[in-house]
Amino acid sequence: MQDILQALYYGNLCPADQIGPLGSDYRAANRESERQDRWCRENLPPEAYRRVRLLQSAATECSQIELYHTFCRGFSLGAQLLLAALEEPRTKR
């Protein structure tokens, strides 16, 4: 317990750094994304490709915000579960 508290205090606790390989589904989706991006870059007029990249950037930002709020909600739920587990049992009325 002390180790995790020290890591948190000193800013050394970063779950994103602990994520390993994301699996074959992720790699396949990433390759397809790169393939589609390459097609757009090679076949669209420069202005259209720039707009596609802006769309990708906006979609990525939305996704990051959603992931952040999902993480916060999950963390809060975990804390609530921990508090409930530590509560004294209630007697039935």
Foldseek 3Di string as FASTA:
>chain_A
DVVVVVCVVVVNDDVVVVDDDPDDVVVVVVVVVVVVLVCCVVPPDPVVNVVVVVVVVVVVVVVVVVVVVVVVVVVVVVVVVVVVVPDDDDDDD
